[in-house]
Amino acid sequence: MLATLRVFWAFLLRDIYVYSKRISFYLSNYLILYPLIFIIAFGYLVPRTLMYQSENADIFMITLLSGNVLLITLKMFSLITSPMLYDFVGNRYIDFEITRLKPKLVLLKTIIFNTCFAFIFLSPFFFICKLILRDNFNIPYVSWPAVLLITFLSCLCLASYVLFAMCVMKGPRQIGSFWIRVNIPLFVLGGFWVPWFTMFQVSKLLGYATLANPFIYVTEGLRRALTGSELYFSIPTCSIALLLFSVAFYFGACHFFNKKMDPVD
């Protein structure tokens, strides 16, 4: 057990070392550039264009920002997880890893690292929104601990989801079609610009169907944490759902990884 933990920790340190070389890229893009672009677009321009002088402008802004942070998160996880897919058809460093650790531990290590790495860069997003927008970002009932909790669980869920997707795909050529056929529909129906209660009002069937979409619990949880409104799912509901989806994606990734690699225990 101790030997396994040492190897697990060594591989984790290796990932930390590799990505520390790229830290400036992630700092400039995910901590500065993307937040500024999204804050300017969805904190200033879009609300003032579509909801100018409306009493619902603040809620509309929060809806937009909460939905679009999902896009940033998904893009980041695709970026930091896709090297594994290229490795399957390239240098196959993964072969070395599974000779030292059981495949399920290799995948667990990847999820843990990706979750923590992404959380570092994504957790300040709404703090930056408040810092820049100030009184224009009206969130008197915000619960910052709940925002951080949902952000962390969202990172965990999306890290597991993207890893599962990489294990399902046969090669890098399928990334484009996977985005079009799977990610975009889940994204659009995951509360990107429209909260769940609106979809449910339009169609009860659509509302119930979207409960099977993990993305909806990311956006609903963030909106509930920021506004405290009972129009959105509760924090416990979103937390439990995100944990359950994380576990399901992890075991799904293990299944398809074993089929792809056919490791010998």
Protein backbone atom coordinates (compact mmCIF):
# COMPACT_ATOMS: atom_id res chain seq x y z
CA MET A 1 0.00 0.00 0.00
CA LEU A 2 2.77 2.46 0.92
CA ALA A 3 4.68 1.61 -2.24
CA THR A 4 1.56 2.24 -4.32
CA LEU A 5 0.99 5.58 -2.60
CA ARG A 6 4.59 6.61 -3.28
CA VAL A 7 4.23 5.77 -6.97
CA PHE A 8 0.85 7.54 -7.09
CA TRP A 9 2.40 10.64 -5.51
CA ALA A 10 5.40 10.50 -7.85
CA PHE A 11 3.15 10.50 -10.92
CA LEU A 12 1.14 13.34 -9.42
CA LEU A 13 4.32 15.35 -8.88
CA ARG A 14 5.32 14.62 -12.46
CA ASP A 15 2.05 16.16 -13.71
CA ILE A 16 2.59 19.19 -11.47
CA TYR A 17 6.10 19.63 -12.87
CA VAL A 18 4.96 19.30 -16.49
CA TYR A 19 2.12 21.82 -16.15
CA SER A 20 4.21 24.23 -14.10
CA LYS A 21 6.14 24.81 -17.33
CA ARG A 22 2.91 26.08 -18.91
CA ILE A 23 1.70 28.13 -15.96
CA SER A 24 2.07 31.46 -17.78
CA PHE A 25 -0.28 30.25 -20.54
CA TYR A 26 -3.03 29.31 -18.09
CA LEU A 27 -2.53 32.44 -15.99
CA SER A 28 -2.80 34.78 -18.97
CA ASN A 29 -5.75 32.97 -20.57
CA TYR A 30 -7.89 31.59 -17.76
CA LEU A 31 -7.18 34.09 -15.01
CA ILE A 32 -6.94 37.28 -17.09
CA LEU A 33 -7.99 37.12 -20.75
CA TYR A 34 -11.09 34.91 -20.63
CA PRO A 35 -12.56 36.53 -17.49
CA LEU A 36 -12.09 40.01 -18.99
CA ILE A 37 -13.68 39.03 -22.30
CA PHE A 38 -16.67 37.35 -20.67
CA ILE A 39 -17.15 40.13 -18.12
CA ILE A 40 -17.10 42.83 -20.80
CA ALA A 41 -19.40 40.85 -23.10
CA PHE A 42 -21.87 39.36 -20.62
CA GLY A 43 -21.46 41.75 -17.72
CA TYR A 44 -21.72 45.00 -19.65
CA LEU A 45 -22.63 44.72 -23.33
CA VAL A 46 -25.23 41.96 -23.66
CA PRO A 47 -27.36 42.88 -20.58
CA ARG A 48 -27.42 46.51 -21.67
CA THR A 49 -28.38 45.52 -25.19
CA LEU A 50 -31.14 43.02 -24.42
CA MET A 51 -32.36 44.13 -20.98
CA TYR A 52 -31.60 47.84 -20.87
CA GLN A 53 -33.27 49.54 -17.86
CA SER A 54 -35.10 46.33 -17.01
CA GLU A 55 -35.60 45.33 -13.38
CA ASN A 56 -34.47 41.83 -14.39
CA ALA A 57 -31.14 43.01 -15.82
CA ASP A 58 -29.14 41.83 -12.78
CA ILE A 59 -30.64 38.33 -12.90
CA PHE A 60 -30.06 38.20 -16.64
CA MET A 61 -26.39 39.12 -16.16
CA ILE A 62 -25.91 36.41 -13.52
CA THR A 63 -27.63 33.89 -15.79
CA LEU A 64 -25.28 34.74 -18.65
CA LEU A 65 -22.09 34.74 -16.59
CA SER A 66 -22.98 31.48 -14.83
CA GLY A 67 -23.75 29.79 -18.13
CA ASN A 68 -20.67 30.99 -19.92
CA VAL A 69 -18.29 29.96 -17.15
CA LEU A 70 -19.36 26.43 -18.10
CA LEU A 71 -17.84 27.01 -21.55
CA ILE A 72 -14.55 28.18 -20.03
CA THR A 73 -14.46 25.14 -17.73
CA LEU A 74 -15.21 22.66 -20.49
CA LYS A 75 -12.63 24.23 -22.79
CA MET A 76 -9.97 24.08 -20.10
CA PHE A 77 -10.61 20.42 -19.30
CA SER A 78 -10.55 19.51 -22.97
CA LEU A 79 -7.19 21.24 -23.25
CA ILE A 80 -5.54 19.55 -20.25
CA THR A 81 -7.03 16.09 -20.89
CA SER A 82 -6.63 15.78 -24.67
CA PRO A 83 -2.87 14.96 -24.41
CA MET A 84 -3.94 11.55 -23.06
CA LEU A 85 -5.91 10.88 -26.24
CA TYR A 86 -2.92 11.85 -28.38
CA ASP A 87 -0.71 9.67 -26.20
CA PHE A 88 -2.89 6.64 -27.02
CA VAL A 89 -1.76 6.93 -30.66
CA GLY A 90 1.66 8.48 -30.01
CA ASN A 91 4.45 7.99 -27.49
CA ARG A 92 2.17 6.00 -25.16
CA TYR A 93 3.56 7.25 -21.88
CA ILE A 94 0.37 5.72 -20.50
CA ASP A 95 1.93 2.27 -21.03
CA PHE A 96 4.64 3.13 -18.52
CA GLU A 97 2.09 4.44 -16.03
CA ILE A 98 -0.05 1.30 -16.06
CA THR A 99 3.00 -0.88 -15.49
CA ARG A 100 3.56 0.97 -12.20
CA LEU A 101 -0.04 1.60 -11.12
CA LYS A 102 -3.36 -0.12 -11.69
CA PRO A 103 -5.30 1.57 -14.50
CA LYS A 104 -8.06 2.75 -12.15
CA LEU A 105 -5.44 4.53 -10.02
CA VAL A 106 -3.88 6.14 -13.09
CA LEU A 107 -7.30 7.53 -14.05
CA LEU A 108 -8.00 8.59 -10.46
CA LYS A 109 -4.67 10.44 -10.39
CA THR A 110 -5.59 12.22 -13.62
CA ILE A 111 -8.97 13.29 -12.27
CA ILE A 112 -7.49 14.54 -8.98
CA PHE A 113 -4.79 16.57 -10.70
CA ASN A 114 -7.08 18.01 -13.39
CA THR A 115 -9.72 18.94 -10.80
CA CYS A 116 -7.31 20.74 -8.50
CA PHE A 117 -5.42 22.40 -11.36
CA ALA A 118 -8.58 23.75 -12.98
CA PHE A 119 -10.09 24.82 -9.65
CA ILE A 120 -7.10 27.07 -8.96
CA PHE A 121 -7.75 29.04 -12.14
CA LEU A 122 -11.55 28.92 -12.24
CA SER A 123 -12.45 29.58 -8.60
CA PRO A 124 -11.59 33.34 -8.74
CA PHE A 125 -13.92 33.96 -11.72
CA PHE A 126 -16.86 35.45 -9.81
CA PHE A 127 -14.57 37.30 -7.41
CA ILE A 128 -13.03 38.94 -10.47
CA CYS A 129 -16.53 39.70 -11.78
CA LYS A 130 -17.39 41.47 -8.53
CA LEU A 131 -14.07 43.31 -8.46
CA ILE A 132 -14.50 44.67 -11.99
CA LEU A 133 -18.27 45.18 -12.16
CA ARG A 134 -18.59 46.36 -8.53
CA ASP A 135 -22.16 47.57 -7.89
CA ASN A 136 -23.22 46.52 -11.39
CA PHE A 137 -22.78 42.90 -10.25
CA ASN A 138 -25.60 42.97 -7.73
CA ILE A 139 -25.43 39.79 -5.62
CA PRO A 140 -26.58 40.73 -2.09
CA TYR A 141 -27.54 37.15 -1.21
CA VAL A 142 -24.40 35.47 -2.50
CA SER A 143 -22.87 32.61 -0.52
CA TRP A 144 -19.17 32.53 -1.40
CA PRO A 145 -18.56 29.17 0.33
CA ALA A 146 -21.37 27.70 -1.81
CA VAL A 147 -19.86 29.28 -4.94
CA LEU A 148 -16.50 27.67 -4.17
CA LEU A 149 -18.12 24.33 -3.33
CA ILE A 150 -20.11 24.18 -6.55
CA THR A 151 -17.07 25.34 -8.54
CA PHE A 152 -14.95 22.55 -7.06
CA LEU A 153 -17.60 19.87 -7.60
CA SER A 154 -18.15 21.17 -11.13
CA CYS A 155 -14.43 20.80 -11.80
CA LEU A 156 -14.54 17.27 -10.40
CA CYS A 157 -17.55 16.33 -12.52
CA LEU A 158 -16.22 17.85 -15.73
CA ALA A 159 -12.76 16.36 -15.16
CA SER A 160 -14.39 12.93 -14.91
CA TYR A 161 -16.66 13.62 -17.88
CA VAL A 162 -13.87 14.75 -20.22
CA LEU A 163 -11.64 11.84 -19.15
CA PHE A 164 -14.54 9.47 -19.85
CA ALA A 165 -14.96 11.07 -23.29
CA MET A 166 -11.25 10.67 -24.07
CA CYS A 167 -11.41 6.99 -23.13
CA VAL A 168 -14.48 6.48 -25.35
CA MET A 169 -13.00 8.19 -28.41
CA LYS A 170 -10.80 6.08 -30.67
CA GLY A 171 -8.48 8.90 -31.66
CA PRO A 172 -7.93 12.68 -31.91
CA ARG A 173 -9.90 12.85 -35.17
CA GLN A 174 -13.10 12.24 -33.23
CA ILE A 175 -12.71 15.31 -31.01
CA GLY A 176 -14.46 17.62 -33.47
CA SER A 177 -17.42 15.33 -34.05
CA PHE A 178 -17.71 14.65 -30.30
CA TRP A 179 -17.98 18.38 -29.62
CA ILE A 180 -20.66 18.79 -32.28
CA ARG A 181 -22.71 15.70 -31.46
CA VAL A 182 -22.36 15.50 -27.68
CA ASN A 183 -20.78 18.53 -26.00
CA ILE A 184 -22.72 21.27 -27.77
CA PRO A 185 -26.18 19.69 -27.20
CA LEU A 186 -25.34 19.06 -23.53
CA PHE A 187 -23.92 22.57 -23.28
CA VAL A 188 -26.89 24.35 -24.86
CA LEU A 189 -29.41 22.31 -22.83
CA GLY A 190 -27.29 22.55 -19.69
CA GLY A 191 -28.40 26.02 -18.68
CA PHE A 192 -25.97 27.90 -20.94
CA TRP A 193 -28.28 30.90 -21.35
CA VAL A 194 -31.59 29.48 -20.11
CA PRO A 195 -32.17 28.25 -16.53
CA TRP A 196 -33.93 24.96 -15.86
CA PHE A 197 -37.22 26.42 -14.64
CA THR A 198 -37.65 28.22 -17.98
CA MET A 199 -37.07 25.01 -19.94
CA PHE A 200 -39.55 23.24 -17.66
CA GLN A 201 -42.17 25.95 -18.26
CA VAL A 202 -41.73 25.63 -22.02
CA SER A 203 -41.88 21.82 -21.98
CA LYS A 204 -42.18 19.53 -18.98
CA LEU A 205 -40.75 16.69 -21.06
CA LEU A 206 -37.69 18.79 -21.91
CA GLY A 207 -37.36 19.83 -18.28
CA TYR A 208 -37.38 16.26 -17.00
CA ALA A 209 -35.04 15.12 -19.78
CA THR A 210 -32.44 17.76 -18.90
CA LEU A 211 -32.23 16.37 -15.37
CA ALA A 212 -30.02 13.67 -16.92
CA ASN A 213 -27.63 16.38 -18.14
CA PRO A 214 -24.74 16.91 -15.69
CA PHE A 215 -24.13 20.43 -16.99
CA ILE A 216 -27.48 21.65 -15.67
CA TYR A 217 -26.33 21.08 -12.09
CA VAL A 218 -23.24 23.23 -12.69
CA THR A 219 -25.20 26.26 -13.89
CA GLU A 220 -28.11 25.79 -11.47
CA GLY A 221 -25.75 25.41 -8.52
CA LEU A 222 -23.79 28.53 -9.40
CA ARG A 223 -26.95 30.59 -9.87
CA ARG A 224 -28.38 29.40 -6.55
CA ALA A 225 -25.09 30.18 -4.78
CA LEU A 226 -24.90 33.66 -6.33
CA THR A 227 -28.54 34.69 -5.89
CA GLY A 228 -29.97 32.51 -3.14
CA SER A 229 -33.12 32.27 -5.24
CA GLU A 230 -35.34 29.21 -4.85
CA LEU A 231 -35.99 29.33 -8.60
CA TYR A 232 -32.81 27.29 -8.96
CA PHE A 233 -31.89 23.85 -7.65
CA SER A 234 -30.68 23.75 -4.06
CA ILE A 235 -26.98 23.50 -3.26
CA PRO A 236 -27.34 19.98 -1.69
CA THR A 237 -29.22 18.76 -4.79
CA CYS A 238 -26.55 20.07 -7.15
CA SER A 239 -23.72 18.81 -4.94
CA ILE A 240 -25.11 15.27 -4.73
CA ALA A 241 -25.86 15.18 -8.46
CA LEU A 242 -22.37 16.36 -9.40
CA LEU A 243 -20.79 13.76 -7.09
CA LEU A 244 -22.93 10.97 -8.52
CA PHE A 245 -22.13 11.97 -12.10
CA SER A 246 -18.42 12.15 -11.19
CA VAL A 247 -18.48 8.59 -9.86
CA ALA A 248 -20.44 7.34 -12.87
CA PHE A 249 -18.03 8.98 -15.35
CA TYR A 250 -15.03 7.63 -13.43
CA PHE A 251 -16.25 4.04 -13.61
CA GLY A 252 -17.25 4.55 -17.23
CA ALA A 253 -13.75 5.81 -17.98
CA CYS A 254 -12.26 2.76 -16.24
CA HIS A 255 -14.42 0.45 -18.36
CA PHE A 256 -13.51 1.98 -21.71
CA PHE A 257 -9.87 2.47 -20.70
CA ASN A 258 -9.57 -1.25 -19.96
CA LYS A 259 -11.15 -2.08 -23.32
CA LYS A 260 -8.76 0.29 -25.09
CA MET A 261 -5.57 -0.76 -23.28
CA ASP A 262 -6.40 -4.37 -22.37
CA PRO A 263 -4.08 -4.21 -19.33
CA VAL A 264 -2.90 -7.30 -17.50
CA ASP A 265 -3.49 -7.07 -13.73
